[in-house]
């Protein structure tokens, strides 16, 4: 768990079970990615504000490459929103908190 327990770390092994129920935002990131590091505190704030409405997780594309590849993630940061296991949208690149909240609320 990261960010006070609001953002989980997800791997190839835990991905499917995490996204199968409810609304889940997965942040596909890499340790070497500057915009990804900038996004982290923004995502923590959004996770606090939307706690209970959605689950939040981060997937390191270098450690869990199979999932990143199968979901066609070609650049980071990429945030993919899932509802009951199905992709309902994606944001590529650095976004502000309001854009992320609006994106999640559309689900």
C-alpha atoms as a PDB file:
ATOM      1  CA  UNK A   1       0.000   0.000   0.000  1.00  0.00           C
ATOM      2  CA  UNK A   2       1.114   3.534  -0.713  1.00  0.00           C
ATOM      3  CA  UNK A   3      -0.108   7.009   0.217  1.00  0.00           C
ATOM      4  CA  UNK A   4      -1.504   6.172   3.607  1.00  0.00           C
ATOM      5  CA  UNK A   5      -3.195   3.039   2.323  1.00  0.00           C
ATOM      6  CA  UNK A   6      -5.284   4.792  -0.335  1.00  0.00           C
ATOM      7  CA  UNK A   7      -3.190   3.758  -3.337  1.00  0.00           C
ATOM      8  CA  UNK A   8      -2.261   0.089  -3.716  1.00  0.00           C
ATOM      9  CA  UNK A   9       0.701  -1.287  -5.598  1.00  0.00           C
ATOM     10  CA  UNK A  10      -0.554  -3.744  -8.212  1.00  0.00           C
ATOM     11  CA  UNK A  11       1.430  -6.393 -10.110  1.00  0.00           C
ATOM     12  CA  UNK A  12       0.835  -8.808 -12.975  1.00  0.00           C
ATOM     13  CA  UNK A  13      -0.371 -11.331 -10.367  1.00  0.00           C
ATOM     14  CA  UNK A  14      -2.827  -9.061  -8.531  1.00  0.00           C
ATOM     15  CA  UNK A  15      -4.126  -6.931 -11.422  1.00  0.00           C
ATOM     16  CA  UNK A  16      -7.159  -8.969 -12.539  1.00  0.00           C
ATOM     17  CA  UNK A  17      -8.519  -9.498  -9.031  1.00  0.00           C
ATOM     18  CA  UNK A  18      -8.186  -5.780  -8.230  1.00  0.00           C
ATOM     19  CA  UNK A  19     -10.066  -4.458 -11.279  1.00  0.00           C
ATOM     20  CA  UNK A  20     -12.796  -7.107 -11.528  1.00  0.00           C
ATOM     21  CA  UNK A  21     -15.297  -5.307  -9.252  1.00  0.00           C
ATOM     22  CA  UNK A  22     -16.231  -1.656  -8.954  1.00  0.00           C
ATOM     23  CA  UNK A  23     -14.448   1.395 -10.332  1.00  0.00           C
ATOM     24  CA  UNK A  24     -10.645   1.234 -10.309  1.00  0.00           C
ATOM     25  CA  UNK A  25      -8.079   3.733 -11.579  1.00  0.00           C
ATOM     26  CA  UNK A  26      -4.708   2.203 -12.414  1.00  0.00           C
ATOM     27  CA  UNK A  27      -1.730   4.526 -12.832  1.00  0.00           C
ATOM     28  CA  UNK A  28       0.777   2.818 -15.140  1.00  0.00           C
ATOM     29  CA  UNK A  29       4.139   4.394 -14.238  1.00  0.00           C
ATOM     30  CA  UNK A  30       7.905   3.897 -14.211  1.00  0.00           C
ATOM     31  CA  UNK A  31      10.431   4.868 -11.532  1.00  0.00           C
ATOM     32  CA  UNK A  32      12.561   6.713 -14.134  1.00  0.00           C
ATOM     33  CA  UNK A  33       9.627   8.828 -15.399  1.00  0.00           C
ATOM     34  CA  UNK A  34       9.690  12.461 -14.210  1.00  0.00           C
ATOM     35  CA  UNK A  35       6.027  13.236 -15.037  1.00  0.00           C
ATOM     36  CA  UNK A  36       5.056  10.035 -13.174  1.00  0.00           C
ATOM     37  CA  UNK A  37       6.755  11.340 -10.009  1.00  0.00           C
ATOM     38  CA  UNK A  38       4.979  14.688 -10.446  1.00  0.00           C
ATOM     39  CA  UNK A  39       1.640  12.866 -10.780  1.00  0.00           C
ATOM     40  CA  UNK A  40       1.995  10.844  -7.551  1.00  0.00           C
ATOM     41  CA  UNK A  41       1.026  13.575  -5.033  1.00  0.00           C
ATOM     42  CA  UNK A  42      -1.822  14.687  -7.315  1.00  0.00           C
ATOM     43  CA  UNK A  43      -3.156  11.129  -7.382  1.00  0.00           C
ATOM     44  CA  UNK A  44      -2.843  10.887  -3.586  1.00  0.00           C
ATOM     45  CA  UNK A  45      -5.051  13.974  -3.205  1.00  0.00           C
ATOM     46  CA  UNK A  46      -7.643  12.626  -5.645  1.00  0.00           C
ATOM     47  CA  UNK A  47      -7.624   9.269  -3.826  1.00  0.00           C
ATOM     48  CA  UNK A  48      -8.348  11.054  -0.531  1.00  0.00           C
ATOM     49  CA  UNK A  49     -11.200  13.084  -2.036  1.00  0.00           C
ATOM     50  CA  UNK A  50     -12.792  10.144  -3.855  1.00  0.00           C
ATOM     51  CA  UNK A  51     -12.184   7.525  -1.176  1.00  0.00           C
ATOM     52  CA  UNK A  52     -15.061   5.056  -1.288  1.00  0.00           C
ATOM     53  CA  UNK A  53     -16.062   5.985  -4.845  1.00  0.00           C
ATOM     54  CA  UNK A  54     -13.142   4.294  -6.569  1.00  0.00           C
ATOM     55  CA  UNK A  55     -10.058   2.182  -5.890  1.00  0.00           C
ATOM     56  CA  UNK A  56      -6.646   3.546  -6.812  1.00  0.00           C
ATOM     57  CA  UNK A  57      -3.541   1.580  -7.713  1.00  0.00           C
ATOM     58  CA  UNK A  58      -0.145   2.022  -9.351  1.00  0.00           C
ATOM     59  CA  UNK A  59       1.482  -0.499 -11.666  1.00  0.00           C
ATOM     60  CA  UNK A  60       5.215  -0.266 -12.361  1.00  0.00           C
ATOM     61  CA  UNK A  61       5.554  -1.071 -16.081  1.00  0.00           C
ATOM     62  CA  UNK A  62       9.127  -2.288 -15.631  1.00  0.00           C
ATOM     63  CA  UNK A  63       8.167  -4.806 -12.922  1.00  0.00           C
ATOM     64  CA  UNK A  64       4.799  -5.840 -14.423  1.00  0.00           C
ATOM     65  CA  UNK A  65       5.492  -5.634 -18.121  1.00  0.00           C
ATOM     66  CA  UNK A  66       3.045  -8.378 -19.123  1.00  0.00           C
ATOM     67  CA  UNK A  67       0.041  -6.380 -17.876  1.00  0.00           C
ATOM     68  CA  UNK A  68       1.311  -3.118 -19.359  1.00  0.00           C
ATOM     69  CA  UNK A  69       1.841  -4.822 -22.728  1.00  0.00           C
ATOM     70  CA  UNK A  70      -1.520  -6.609 -22.759  1.00  0.00           C
ATOM     71  CA  UNK A  71      -3.298  -3.320 -22.012  1.00  0.00           C
ATOM     72  CA  UNK A  72      -1.353  -1.556 -24.785  1.00  0.00           C
ATOM     73  CA  UNK A  73       0.347   0.974 -22.522  1.00  0.00           C
ATOM     74  CA  UNK A  74       3.002   2.576 -24.715  1.00  0.00           C
ATOM     75  CA  UNK A  75       3.859   5.694 -22.717  1.00  0.00           C
ATOM     76  CA  UNK A  76       3.815   6.738 -19.081  1.00  0.00           C
ATOM     77  CA  UNK A  77       2.095   8.038 -17.157  1.00  0.00           C
ATOM     78  CA  UNK A  78      -1.060   6.370 -18.443  1.00  0.00           C
ATOM     79  CA  UNK A  79      -4.124   6.164 -16.212  1.00  0.00           C
ATOM     80  CA  UNK A  80      -6.729   3.577 -17.185  1.00  0.00           C
ATOM     81  CA  UNK A  81     -10.148   3.522 -15.581  1.00  0.00           C
ATOM     82  CA  UNK A  82     -11.844   0.144 -15.191  1.00  0.00           C
ATOM     83  CA  UNK A  83     -15.428  -0.592 -14.228  1.00  0.00           C
ATOM     84  CA  UNK A  84     -16.170  -4.196 -13.251  1.00  0.00           C
ATOM     85  CA  UNK A  85     -13.091  -5.407 -15.118  1.00  0.00           C
ATOM     86  CA  UNK A  86     -13.712  -3.520 -18.368  1.00  0.00           C
ATOM     87  CA  UNK A  87     -11.694  -0.512 -19.528  1.00  0.00           C
ATOM     88  CA  UNK A  88     -13.966   2.542 -19.703  1.00  0.00           C
ATOM     89  CA  UNK A  89     -11.366   5.173 -20.523  1.00  0.00           C
ATOM     90  CA  UNK A  90      -7.747   6.273 -20.373  1.00  0.00           C
ATOM     91  CA  UNK A  91      -5.727   9.414 -19.834  1.00  0.00           C
ATOM     92  CA  UNK A  92      -2.188   9.603 -21.193  1.00  0.00           C
ATOM     93  CA  UNK A  93       0.251  12.142 -19.798  1.00  0.00           C
ATOM     94  CA  UNK A  94       0.361  14.396 -16.770  1.00  0.00           C
ATOM     95  CA  UNK A  95      -3.034  15.737 -15.656  1.00  0.00           C
ATOM     96  CA  UNK A  96      -4.233  17.925 -12.800  1.00  0.00           C
ATOM     97  CA  UNK A  97      -6.452  16.737  -9.979  1.00  0.00           C
ATOM     98  CA  UNK A  98      -9.657  18.214 -11.399  1.00  0.00           C
ATOM     99  CA  UNK A  99      -9.165  16.477 -14.758  1.00  0.00           C
ATOM    100  CA  UNK A 100      -8.609  13.155 -12.989  1.00  0.00           C
ATOM    101  CA  UNK A 101     -11.672  13.623 -10.735  1.00  0.00           C
ATOM    102  CA  UNK A 102     -13.876  14.491 -13.731  1.00  0.00           C
ATOM    103  CA  UNK A 103     -12.535  11.427 -15.565  1.00  0.00           C
ATOM    104  CA  UNK A 104     -13.390   9.127 -12.644  1.00  0.00           C
ATOM    105  CA  UNK A 105     -16.794  10.696 -12.008  1.00  0.00           C
ATOM    106  CA  UNK A 106     -17.818   9.922 -15.599  1.00  0.00           C
ATOM    107  CA  UNK A 107     -17.756   6.235 -14.693  1.00  0.00           C
END
